[in-house]
Amino acid sequence: MTYIFNDREPVYIQIAEHIKAVLASGEIGPGSRVPSVRELAAGFGVNPNTVQKALKELESSGYLFSERTSGRFITDDVDKLQELKSKIPGKLVKKFIADMAALGIEKNDLPSYVEKFL
């Protein structure tokens, strides 16, 4: 994994959001084992404690669960994963709008920008 972190939010939250996107995409299916903390830390290029915090966040949200001696796994709750998938587009659109506003582009002009790339 190559990942570039921004300065606007904590790294562990960015890692958790990235993992959520992977879960929502279906790239890794329900019940699948999650790579170890050390593997993920090496992939993201961060301290294992940062990854541990991200994974705990995902567990508390119900997207992952732990089995004491076997590691962490993706929830088997397909409805929970589908709900996650339905939330992500809204977050991306809000971020897009905020980023464009930061550039000085007004909301009324957004459709023409989007249309150029469709």
C-alpha atoms as a PDB file:
ATOM      1  CA  MET A   1       0.000   0.000   0.000  1.00  0.00           C
ATOM      2  CA  THR A   2       1.238   3.466  -0.815  1.00  0.00           C
ATOM      3  CA  TYR A   3      -0.681   6.089   1.059  1.00  0.00           C
ATOM      4  CA  ILE A   4      -0.205   9.841   1.395  1.00  0.00           C
ATOM      5  CA  PHE A   5      -1.596  11.283   4.605  1.00  0.00           C
ATOM      6  CA  ASN A   6      -3.025  14.786   4.898  1.00  0.00           C
ATOM      7  CA  ASP A   7      -2.496  17.232   7.741  1.00  0.00           C
ATOM      8  CA  ARG A   8      -6.196  17.880   8.333  1.00  0.00           C
ATOM      9  CA  GLU A   9      -7.024  14.827  10.433  1.00  0.00           C
ATOM     10  CA  PRO A  10      -5.209  12.279  12.592  1.00  0.00           C
ATOM     11  CA  VAL A  11      -3.374   9.517  10.731  1.00  0.00           C
ATOM     12  CA  TYR A  12      -5.256   6.737  12.555  1.00  0.00           C
ATOM     13  CA  ILE A  13      -8.567   8.165  11.293  1.00  0.00           C
ATOM     14  CA  GLN A  14      -7.218   8.307   7.739  1.00  0.00           C
ATOM     15  CA  ILE A  15      -6.132   4.668   8.037  1.00  0.00           C
ATOM     16  CA  ALA A  16      -9.549   3.676   9.389  1.00  0.00           C
ATOM     17  CA  GLU A  17     -11.261   5.522   6.520  1.00  0.00           C
ATOM     18  CA  HIS A  18      -9.010   3.813   3.980  1.00  0.00           C
ATOM     19  CA  ILE A  19      -9.820   0.405   5.446  1.00  0.00           C
ATOM     20  CA  LYS A  20     -13.536   1.263   5.407  1.00  0.00           C
ATOM     21  CA  ALA A  21     -13.262   2.065   1.705  1.00  0.00           C
ATOM     22  CA  VAL A  22     -11.590  -1.298   1.087  1.00  0.00           C
ATOM     23  CA  LEU A  23     -14.360  -3.055   3.037  1.00  0.00           C
ATOM     24  CA  ALA A  24     -17.079  -1.173   1.158  1.00  0.00           C
ATOM     25  CA  SER A  25     -15.521  -2.018  -2.197  1.00  0.00           C
ATOM     26  CA  GLY A  26     -15.830  -5.723  -1.449  1.00  0.00           C
ATOM     27  CA  GLU A  27     -12.126  -6.178  -2.168  1.00  0.00           C
ATOM     28  CA  ILE A  28     -11.988  -8.185   1.050  1.00  0.00           C
ATOM     29  CA  GLY A  29     -15.119 -10.149   1.847  1.00  0.00           C
ATOM     30  CA  PRO A  30     -17.101 -10.615   5.056  1.00  0.00           C
ATOM     31  CA  GLY A  31     -15.414 -12.945   7.522  1.00  0.00           C
ATOM     32  CA  SER A  32     -11.984 -12.521   5.910  1.00  0.00           C
ATOM     33  CA  ARG A  33      -8.925 -12.217   8.109  1.00  0.00           C
ATOM     34  CA  VAL A  34      -7.361  -8.756   8.350  1.00  0.00           C
ATOM     35  CA  PRO A  35      -3.574  -8.514   7.987  1.00  0.00           C
ATOM     36  CA  SER A  36      -1.665  -8.179  11.257  1.00  0.00           C
ATOM     37  CA  VAL A  37      -0.979  -4.822  12.871  1.00  0.00           C
ATOM     38  CA  ARG A  38       2.697  -5.099  11.924  1.00  0.00           C
ATOM     39  CA  GLU A  39       1.894  -5.915   8.291  1.00  0.00           C
ATOM     40  CA  LEU A  40      -0.500  -2.990   8.022  1.00  0.00           C
ATOM     41  CA  ALA A  41       1.934  -0.641   9.794  1.00  0.00           C
ATOM     42  CA  ALA A  42       4.670  -1.583   7.340  1.00  0.00           C
ATOM     43  CA  GLY A  43       2.304  -1.078   4.408  1.00  0.00           C
ATOM     44  CA  PHE A  44       1.159   2.329   5.601  1.00  0.00           C
ATOM     45  CA  GLY A  45       4.639   3.297   6.786  1.00  0.00           C
ATOM     46  CA  VAL A  46       3.457   4.195  10.280  1.00  0.00           C
ATOM     47  CA  ASN A  47       3.974   3.103  13.870  1.00  0.00           C
ATOM     48  CA  PRO A  48       2.080  -0.087  14.822  1.00  0.00           C
ATOM     49  CA  ASN A  49       0.369   1.815  17.658  1.00  0.00           C
ATOM     50  CA  THR A  50      -1.251   4.087  15.060  1.00  0.00           C
ATOM     51  CA  VAL A  51      -2.632   1.087  13.167  1.00  0.00           C
ATOM     52  CA  GLN A  52      -3.746  -0.505  16.442  1.00  0.00           C
ATOM     53  CA  LYS A  53      -5.765   2.627  17.234  1.00  0.00           C
ATOM     54  CA  ALA A  54      -7.380   2.581  13.773  1.00  0.00           C
ATOM     55  CA  LEU A  55      -8.310  -1.093  14.117  1.00  0.00           C
ATOM     56  CA  LYS A  56      -9.788  -0.537  17.583  1.00  0.00           C
ATOM     57  CA  GLU A  57     -11.892   2.258  16.090  1.00  0.00           C
ATOM     58  CA  LEU A  58     -13.145  -0.129  13.381  1.00  0.00           C
ATOM     59  CA  GLU A  59     -13.884  -2.795  15.975  1.00  0.00           C
ATOM     60  CA  SER A  60     -15.856  -0.392  18.143  1.00  0.00           C
ATOM     61  CA  SER A  61     -17.856   0.587  15.050  1.00  0.00           C
ATOM     62  CA  GLY A  62     -18.645  -3.073  14.373  1.00  0.00           C
ATOM     63  CA  TYR A  63     -16.750  -3.423  11.091  1.00  0.00           C
ATOM     64  CA  LEU A  64     -14.134  -5.776  12.537  1.00  0.00           C
ATOM     65  CA  PHE A  65     -14.069  -8.325  15.320  1.00  0.00           C
ATOM     66  CA  SER A  66     -11.255 -10.107  17.121  1.00  0.00           C
ATOM     67  CA  GLU A  67     -10.782 -13.750  17.923  1.00  0.00           C
ATOM     68  CA  ARG A  68      -8.327 -14.009  20.771  1.00  0.00           C
ATOM     69  CA  THR A  69      -5.722 -16.275  19.207  1.00  0.00           C
ATOM     70  CA  SER A  70      -6.636 -15.952  15.536  1.00  0.00           C
ATOM     71  CA  GLY A  71      -6.497 -12.210  14.833  1.00  0.00           C
ATOM     72  CA  ARG A  72      -8.986  -9.736  13.478  1.00  0.00           C
ATOM     73  CA  PHE A  73     -11.693 -10.408  10.929  1.00  0.00           C
ATOM     74  CA  ILE A  74     -14.173  -8.435   8.868  1.00  0.00           C
ATOM     75  CA  THR A  75     -17.703  -8.549  10.180  1.00  0.00           C
ATOM     76  CA  ASP A  76     -20.035 -11.157   8.749  1.00  0.00           C
ATOM     77  CA  ASP A  77     -22.858  -8.604   8.932  1.00  0.00           C
ATOM     78  CA  VAL A  78     -23.472  -7.966   5.234  1.00  0.00           C
ATOM     79  CA  ASP A  79     -26.073  -5.287   6.047  1.00  0.00           C
ATOM     80  CA  LYS A  80     -23.482  -3.360   8.087  1.00  0.00           C
ATOM     81  CA  LEU A  81     -21.045  -3.472   5.167  1.00  0.00           C
ATOM     82  CA  GLN A  82     -23.758  -2.403   2.711  1.00  0.00           C
ATOM     83  CA  GLU A  83     -24.648   0.506   4.998  1.00  0.00           C
ATOM     84  CA  LEU A  84     -20.977   1.505   4.998  1.00  0.00           C
ATOM     85  CA  LYS A  85     -20.894   1.348   1.203  1.00  0.00           C
ATOM     86  CA  SER A  86     -23.916   3.645   0.974  1.00  0.00           C
ATOM     87  CA  LYS A  87     -22.334   6.279   3.289  1.00  0.00           C
ATOM     88  CA  ILE A  88     -19.025   6.678   1.458  1.00  0.00           C
ATOM     89  CA  PRO A  89     -20.266   8.477  -1.696  1.00  0.00           C
ATOM     90  CA  GLY A  90     -21.837  11.232   0.415  1.00  0.00           C
ATOM     91  CA  LYS A  91     -18.575  11.757   2.296  1.00  0.00           C
ATOM     92  CA  LEU A  92     -16.636  11.928  -0.952  1.00  0.00           C
ATOM     93  CA  VAL A  93     -19.032  14.450  -2.461  1.00  0.00           C
ATOM     94  CA  LYS A  94     -18.874  16.645   0.662  1.00  0.00           C
ATOM     95  CA  LYS A  95     -15.081  16.533   0.555  1.00  0.00           C
ATOM     96  CA  PHE A  96     -15.097  17.403  -3.154  1.00  0.00           C
ATOM     97  CA  ILE A  97     -17.375  20.380  -2.534  1.00  0.00           C
ATOM     98  CA  ALA A  98     -15.206  21.588   0.357  1.00  0.00           C
ATOM     99  CA  ASP A  99     -12.015  21.196  -1.700  1.00  0.00           C
ATOM    100  CA  MET A 100     -13.522  23.109  -4.623  1.00  0.00           C
ATOM    101  CA  ALA A 101     -14.754  25.857  -2.284  1.00  0.00           C
ATOM    102  CA  ALA A 102     -11.209  26.143  -0.913  1.00  0.00           C
ATOM    103  CA  LEU A 103     -10.112  26.830  -4.494  1.00  0.00           C
ATOM    104  CA  GLY A 104     -12.695  29.602  -4.755  1.00  0.00           C
ATOM    105  CA  ILE A 105     -15.045  27.665  -7.025  1.00  0.00           C
ATOM    106  CA  GLU A 106     -18.691  28.343  -6.295  1.00  0.00           C
ATOM    107  CA  LYS A 107     -21.336  25.630  -5.938  1.00  0.00           C
ATOM    108  CA  ASN A 108     -23.180  26.828  -9.036  1.00  0.00           C
ATOM    109  CA  ASP A 109     -20.065  26.167 -11.123  1.00  0.00           C
ATOM    110  CA  LEU A 110     -19.509  22.612  -9.872  1.00  0.00           C
ATOM    111  CA  PRO A 111     -21.773  20.859 -12.415  1.00  0.00           C
ATOM    112  CA  SER A 112     -19.800  22.267 -15.336  1.00  0.00           C
ATOM    113  CA  TYR A 113     -16.521  21.073 -13.832  1.00  0.00           C
ATOM    114  CA  VAL A 114     -17.927  17.614 -13.198  1.00  0.00           C
ATOM    115  CA  GLU A 115     -19.451  17.450 -16.681  1.00  0.00           C
ATOM    116  CA  LYS A 116     -16.032  18.062 -18.280  1.00  0.00           C
ATOM    117  CA  PHE A 117     -14.695  14.860 -16.754  1.00  0.00           C
ATOM    118  CA  LEU A 118     -17.689  12.633 -17.331  1.00  0.00           C
END
